[in-house]
Structure formats: C-alpha cells, structure tokens
C-alpha cells in the first residue's frame, strides 16, 4: 500500500515568538502529514534545536530528527529567546532523538531518500533552503515549497 501521508520538512526559527511552536504542535497532530525533519534557522540555531528537542521529547516524538541550520547573516534581530526559560533543566546531551550538526545536509538526505516529493514548510528566513539549492539545484524537482519566510512587515 502506498504511503498516504505527505512527507514534510519544517524549516523554522522556533523559539522567539510562540507561532512556530504552535505550528510544530499542529504538524505533529496532523494525520495526513509525516514530519521527517525539523531544521532550525536564524540567530542561535543551537538554542532553537534544543527547544525543538525538548518539545519533541515532551510530545513523545523523538523519532523526528532535528538539523541545526544556518544562522541568518542578520541574525541579531532573531536573538529574542522568549521560550528559553522553558529549557531550564533540559539536558540536550541526554536527548534520545537525533540532532544533526549539519541541518542542510540532513535536509538534502531526507529529500534524496524520499520516494515521493517532500513538502518543505518554511517559517523562517530561507538560509537553509538557499544553501541546499546552491549545493544541489536539482532537488527543486523533488520538493513542494510552502513559505512564510519568517517575516511580517509592521508599519
């Protein structure tokens, strides 16, 4: 039987505002989606990976790997760590899931290994996707892209 779930990669700047955390919760509870990877972007991508790891652990979903992505060159605007207090007491070294230091390579690997097109949901600046396309432009044929691009212009 063919997999009826849509393979998804979440490219996220989780950890500043709460919006990406809610998006992750929704993805984990969407029966039609198969979250294959979370890749962090913008500012302190290690902090963002730790936050994603704790969230996945609490949700009982350490089967979803995490890739530490590329920080935005203008990352200072992303240094708001509003969810950092929630990480108190969390030791990422004891995390049971997989965290990849090279999030871009992890993204490429998921796309390569998927027998069907992967949907990339980008809620952050697209540094990871841009780098993946620089390295392997042909992946565009194996992907669907949904992007918010991490920004709303106020004023």
C-alpha atoms as a PDB file:
ATOM      1  CA  UNK A   1       0.000   0.000   0.000  1.00  0.00           C
ATOM      2  CA  UNK A   2       1.309   3.441  -0.940  1.00  0.00           C
ATOM      3  CA  UNK A   3       2.153   5.873   1.856  1.00  0.00           C
ATOM      4  CA  UNK A   4      -0.831   8.208   2.091  1.00  0.00           C
ATOM      5  CA  UNK A   5       0.966  10.654   4.351  1.00  0.00           C
ATOM      6  CA  UNK A   6       2.716  13.673   2.873  1.00  0.00           C
ATOM      7  CA  UNK A   7       6.427  13.802   3.807  1.00  0.00           C
ATOM      8  CA  UNK A   8       7.246  17.181   5.366  1.00  0.00           C
ATOM      9  CA  UNK A   9      10.337  19.104   6.449  1.00  0.00           C
ATOM     10  CA  UNK A  10       9.775  22.038   8.828  1.00  0.00           C
ATOM     11  CA  UNK A  11      12.309  24.863   8.399  1.00  0.00           C
ATOM     12  CA  UNK A  12      11.785  27.011  11.484  1.00  0.00           C
ATOM     13  CA  UNK A  13      13.011  29.802  13.698  1.00  0.00           C
ATOM     14  CA  UNK A  14      11.181  28.260  16.650  1.00  0.00           C
ATOM     15  CA  UNK A  15      11.884  29.905  19.977  1.00  0.00           C
ATOM     16  CA  UNK A  16      11.300  33.609  19.504  1.00  0.00           C
ATOM     17  CA  UNK A  17       7.543  34.070  19.309  1.00  0.00           C
ATOM     18  CA  UNK A  18       5.175  31.191  20.026  1.00  0.00           C
ATOM     19  CA  UNK A  19       3.864  30.848  16.447  1.00  0.00           C
ATOM     20  CA  UNK A  20       6.365  28.227  15.253  1.00  0.00           C
ATOM     21  CA  UNK A  21       5.855  26.178  18.415  1.00  0.00           C
ATOM     22  CA  UNK A  22       2.117  26.049  17.672  1.00  0.00           C
ATOM     23  CA  UNK A  23       2.887  25.158  14.048  1.00  0.00           C
ATOM     24  CA  UNK A  24       5.037  22.246  15.219  1.00  0.00           C
ATOM     25  CA  UNK A  25       2.249  21.037  17.511  1.00  0.00           C
ATOM     26  CA  UNK A  26      -0.180  21.163  14.595  1.00  0.00           C
ATOM     27  CA  UNK A  27       2.189  19.242  12.310  1.00  0.00           C
ATOM     28  CA  UNK A  28       2.676  16.515  14.901  1.00  0.00           C
ATOM     29  CA  UNK A  29      -1.086  16.091  15.254  1.00  0.00           C
ATOM     30  CA  UNK A  30      -1.933  16.185  11.526  1.00  0.00           C
ATOM     31  CA  UNK A  31      -2.631  12.582  10.473  1.00  0.00           C
ATOM     32  CA  UNK A  32      -2.118  13.373   6.775  1.00  0.00           C
ATOM     33  CA  UNK A  33       1.429  14.684   7.345  1.00  0.00           C
ATOM     34  CA  UNK A  34       4.619  12.748   8.075  1.00  0.00           C
ATOM     35  CA  UNK A  35       7.145  15.099   9.679  1.00  0.00           C
ATOM     36  CA  UNK A  36      10.530  13.803   8.508  1.00  0.00           C
ATOM     37  CA  UNK A  37      12.818  16.561   9.804  1.00  0.00           C
ATOM     38  CA  UNK A  38      12.936  19.873  11.645  1.00  0.00           C
ATOM     39  CA  UNK A  39      15.694  22.269  10.556  1.00  0.00           C
ATOM     40  CA  UNK A  40      16.406  25.365  12.626  1.00  0.00           C
ATOM     41  CA  UNK A  41      17.247  28.759  11.165  1.00  0.00           C
ATOM     42  CA  UNK A  42      18.036  32.321  12.237  1.00  0.00           C
ATOM     43  CA  UNK A  43      20.053  33.595  15.166  1.00  0.00           C
ATOM     44  CA  UNK A  44      21.122  30.961  17.674  1.00  0.00           C
ATOM     45  CA  UNK A  45      20.183  27.830  15.752  1.00  0.00           C
ATOM     46  CA  UNK A  46      21.554  25.590  18.526  1.00  0.00           C
ATOM     47  CA  UNK A  47      19.114  27.149  21.038  1.00  0.00           C
ATOM     48  CA  UNK A  48      16.323  26.572  18.531  1.00  0.00           C
ATOM     49  CA  UNK A  49      17.350  22.927  18.094  1.00  0.00           C
ATOM     50  CA  UNK A  50      17.351  22.426  21.883  1.00  0.00           C
ATOM     51  CA  UNK A  51      13.877  23.918  22.098  1.00  0.00           C
ATOM     52  CA  UNK A  52      12.620  21.656  19.307  1.00  0.00           C
ATOM     53  CA  UNK A  53      14.234  18.665  21.049  1.00  0.00           C
ATOM     54  CA  UNK A  54      12.524  19.366  24.355  1.00  0.00           C
ATOM     55  CA  UNK A  55       9.203  19.893  22.591  1.00  0.00           C
ATOM     56  CA  UNK A  56       9.554  16.592  20.735  1.00  0.00           C
ATOM     57  CA  UNK A  57      10.553  14.802  23.920  1.00  0.00           C
ATOM     58  CA  UNK A  58       7.528  16.130  25.808  1.00  0.00           C
ATOM     59  CA  UNK A  59       5.305  15.190  22.852  1.00  0.00           C
ATOM     60  CA  UNK A  60       6.730  11.662  22.781  1.00  0.00           C
ATOM     61  CA  UNK A  61       8.062  12.185  19.237  1.00  0.00           C
ATOM     62  CA  UNK A  62      11.821  11.801  19.485  1.00  0.00           C
ATOM     63  CA  UNK A  63      11.531   9.828  16.230  1.00  0.00           C
ATOM     64  CA  UNK A  64      11.589  13.155  14.345  1.00  0.00           C
ATOM     65  CA  UNK A  65      15.207  14.208  13.697  1.00  0.00           C
ATOM     66  CA  UNK A  66      16.426  17.777  14.098  1.00  0.00           C
ATOM     67  CA  UNK A  67      19.034  19.537  11.960  1.00  0.00           C
ATOM     68  CA  UNK A  68      20.926  22.592  13.181  1.00  0.00           C
ATOM     69  CA  UNK A  69      20.667  25.012  10.305  1.00  0.00           C
ATOM     70  CA  UNK A  70      22.361  28.161   9.126  1.00  0.00           C
ATOM     71  CA  UNK A  71      22.021  31.353  11.101  1.00  0.00           C
ATOM     72  CA  UNK A  72      20.708  34.346   9.184  1.00  0.00           C
ATOM     73  CA  UNK A  73      23.540  36.817   8.445  1.00  0.00           C
ATOM     74  CA  UNK A  74      21.254  39.442  10.022  1.00  0.00           C
ATOM     75  CA  UNK A  75      20.586  37.123  12.934  1.00  0.00           C
ATOM     76  CA  UNK A  76      20.870  39.737  15.651  1.00  0.00           C
ATOM     77  CA  UNK A  77      17.218  40.542  15.028  1.00  0.00           C
ATOM     78  CA  UNK A  78      16.390  36.941  15.974  1.00  0.00           C
ATOM     79  CA  UNK A  79      18.058  36.872  19.351  1.00  0.00           C
ATOM     80  CA  UNK A  80      14.795  37.133  21.256  1.00  0.00           C
ATOM     81  CA  UNK A  81      14.722  33.916  23.262  1.00  0.00           C
ATOM     82  CA  UNK A  82      11.292  34.225  24.821  1.00  0.00           C
ATOM     83  CA  UNK A  83      10.994  30.462  25.340  1.00  0.00           C
ATOM     84  CA  UNK A  84      14.423  29.998  26.906  1.00  0.00           C
ATOM     85  CA  UNK A  85      13.049  29.734  30.475  1.00  0.00           C
ATOM     86  CA  UNK A  86      11.194  26.560  29.411  1.00  0.00           C
ATOM     87  CA  UNK A  87      14.569  24.940  28.668  1.00  0.00           C
ATOM     88  CA  UNK A  88      15.682  25.209  32.307  1.00  0.00           C
ATOM     89  CA  UNK A  89      16.807  21.782  33.453  1.00  0.00           C
ATOM     90  CA  UNK A  90      16.741  20.261  29.960  1.00  0.00           C
ATOM     91  CA  UNK A  91      19.998  18.499  29.071  1.00  0.00           C
ATOM     92  CA  UNK A  92      20.202  18.157  25.301  1.00  0.00           C
ATOM     93  CA  UNK A  93      23.101  15.696  25.699  1.00  0.00           C
ATOM     94  CA  UNK A  94      20.608  13.214  27.181  1.00  0.00           C
ATOM     95  CA  UNK A  95      18.106  13.680  24.360  1.00  0.00           C
ATOM     96  CA  UNK A  96      17.113  10.292  22.869  1.00  0.00           C
ATOM     97  CA  UNK A  97      16.407  11.577  19.349  1.00  0.00           C
ATOM     98  CA  UNK A  98      18.788  12.557  16.558  1.00  0.00           C
ATOM     99  CA  UNK A  99      20.240  16.033  16.222  1.00  0.00           C
ATOM    100  CA  UNK A 100      22.401  16.664  13.164  1.00  0.00           C
ATOM    101  CA  UNK A 101      25.024  19.390  13.273  1.00  0.00           C
ATOM    102  CA  UNK A 102      24.646  19.980   9.530  1.00  0.00           C
ATOM    103  CA  UNK A 103      20.968  20.715   9.057  1.00  0.00           C
ATOM    104  CA  UNK A 104      21.354  21.472   5.354  1.00  0.00           C
ATOM    105  CA  UNK A 105      22.874  18.055   4.711  1.00  0.00           C
ATOM    106  CA  UNK A 106      20.096  16.435   6.746  1.00  0.00           C
ATOM    107  CA  UNK A 107      17.547  18.275   4.575  1.00  0.00           C
ATOM    108  CA  UNK A 108      19.253  17.032   1.402  1.00  0.00           C
ATOM    109  CA  UNK A 109      19.368  13.468   2.756  1.00  0.00           C
ATOM    110  CA  UNK A 110      15.633  13.437   3.538  1.00  0.00           C
ATOM    111  CA  UNK A 111      14.835  14.701   0.046  1.00  0.00           C
ATOM    112  CA  UNK A 112      17.178  12.156  -1.571  1.00  0.00           C
ATOM    113  CA  UNK A 113      15.747   9.242   0.418  1.00  0.00           C
ATOM    114  CA  UNK A 114      12.105  10.079  -0.192  1.00  0.00           C
ATOM    115  CA  UNK A 115      10.373   8.096  -2.938  1.00  0.00           C
ATOM    116  CA  UNK A 116       7.887  10.942  -3.370  1.00  0.00           C
ATOM    117  CA  UNK A 117       8.133  14.757  -3.351  1.00  0.00           C
ATOM    118  CA  UNK A 118       8.829  16.317   0.037  1.00  0.00           C
ATOM    119  CA  UNK A 119       6.901  19.374   1.167  1.00  0.00           C
ATOM    120  CA  UNK A 120       9.151  21.956   2.815  1.00  0.00           C
ATOM    121  CA  UNK A 121       7.280  24.298   5.124  1.00  0.00           C
ATOM    122  CA  UNK A 122       9.467  27.332   5.722  1.00  0.00           C
ATOM    123  CA  UNK A 123       8.523  29.565   8.626  1.00  0.00           C
ATOM    124  CA  UNK A 124      11.922  31.231   8.804  1.00  0.00           C
ATOM    125  CA  UNK A 125      14.337  33.116   6.607  1.00  0.00           C
ATOM    126  CA  UNK A 126      15.306  30.668   3.874  1.00  0.00           C
ATOM    127  CA  UNK A 127      19.031  30.386   4.582  1.00  0.00           C
ATOM    128  CA  UNK A 128      18.890  26.570   4.750  1.00  0.00           C
ATOM    129  CA  UNK A 129      16.876  26.198   1.574  1.00  0.00           C
ATOM    130  CA  UNK A 130      19.071  28.678  -0.294  1.00  0.00           C
ATOM    131  CA  UNK A 131      22.196  26.748   0.695  1.00  0.00           C
ATOM    132  CA  UNK A 132      20.622  23.396  -0.214  1.00  0.00           C
ATOM    133  CA  UNK A 133      19.698  24.759  -3.661  1.00  0.00           C
ATOM    134  CA  UNK A 134      23.216  26.165  -4.143  1.00  0.00           C
ATOM    135  CA  UNK A 135      24.658  22.727  -3.418  1.00  0.00           C
ATOM    136  CA  UNK A 136      22.061  20.698  -5.321  1.00  0.00           C
ATOM    137  CA  UNK A 137      19.682  22.728  -7.532  1.00  0.00           C
ATOM    138  CA  UNK A 138      18.096  19.517  -8.850  1.00  0.00           C
ATOM    139  CA  UNK A 139      16.328  18.951  -5.512  1.00  0.00           C
ATOM    140  CA  UNK A 140      13.756  21.545  -6.596  1.00  0.00           C
ATOM    141  CA  UNK A 141      12.175  18.834  -8.761  1.00  0.00           C
ATOM    142  CA  UNK A 142      11.602  16.641  -5.693  1.00  0.00           C
ATOM    143  CA  UNK A 143      10.091  19.308  -3.448  1.00  0.00           C
ATOM    144  CA  UNK A 144       6.980  21.312  -2.854  1.00  0.00           C
ATOM    145  CA  UNK A 145       7.532  24.575  -1.053  1.00  0.00           C
ATOM    146  CA  UNK A 146       5.252  26.441   1.307  1.00  0.00           C
ATOM    147  CA  UNK A 147       6.859  29.565   2.683  1.00  0.00           C
ATOM    148  CA  UNK A 148       6.064  32.277   5.151  1.00  0.00           C
ATOM    149  CA  UNK A 149       9.732  33.299   5.130  1.00  0.00           C
ATOM    150  CA  UNK A 150       9.680  34.323   8.778  1.00  0.00           C
ATOM    151  CA  UNK A 151       8.677  37.911   8.336  1.00  0.00           C
ATOM    152  CA  UNK A 152       5.778  40.254   8.620  1.00  0.00           C
ATOM    153  CA  UNK A 153       6.412  43.913   7.982  1.00  0.00           C
ATOM    154  CA  UNK A 154       4.756  46.058  10.632  1.00  0.00           C
ATOM    155  CA  UNK A 155       4.390  49.713   9.728  1.00  0.00           C
END
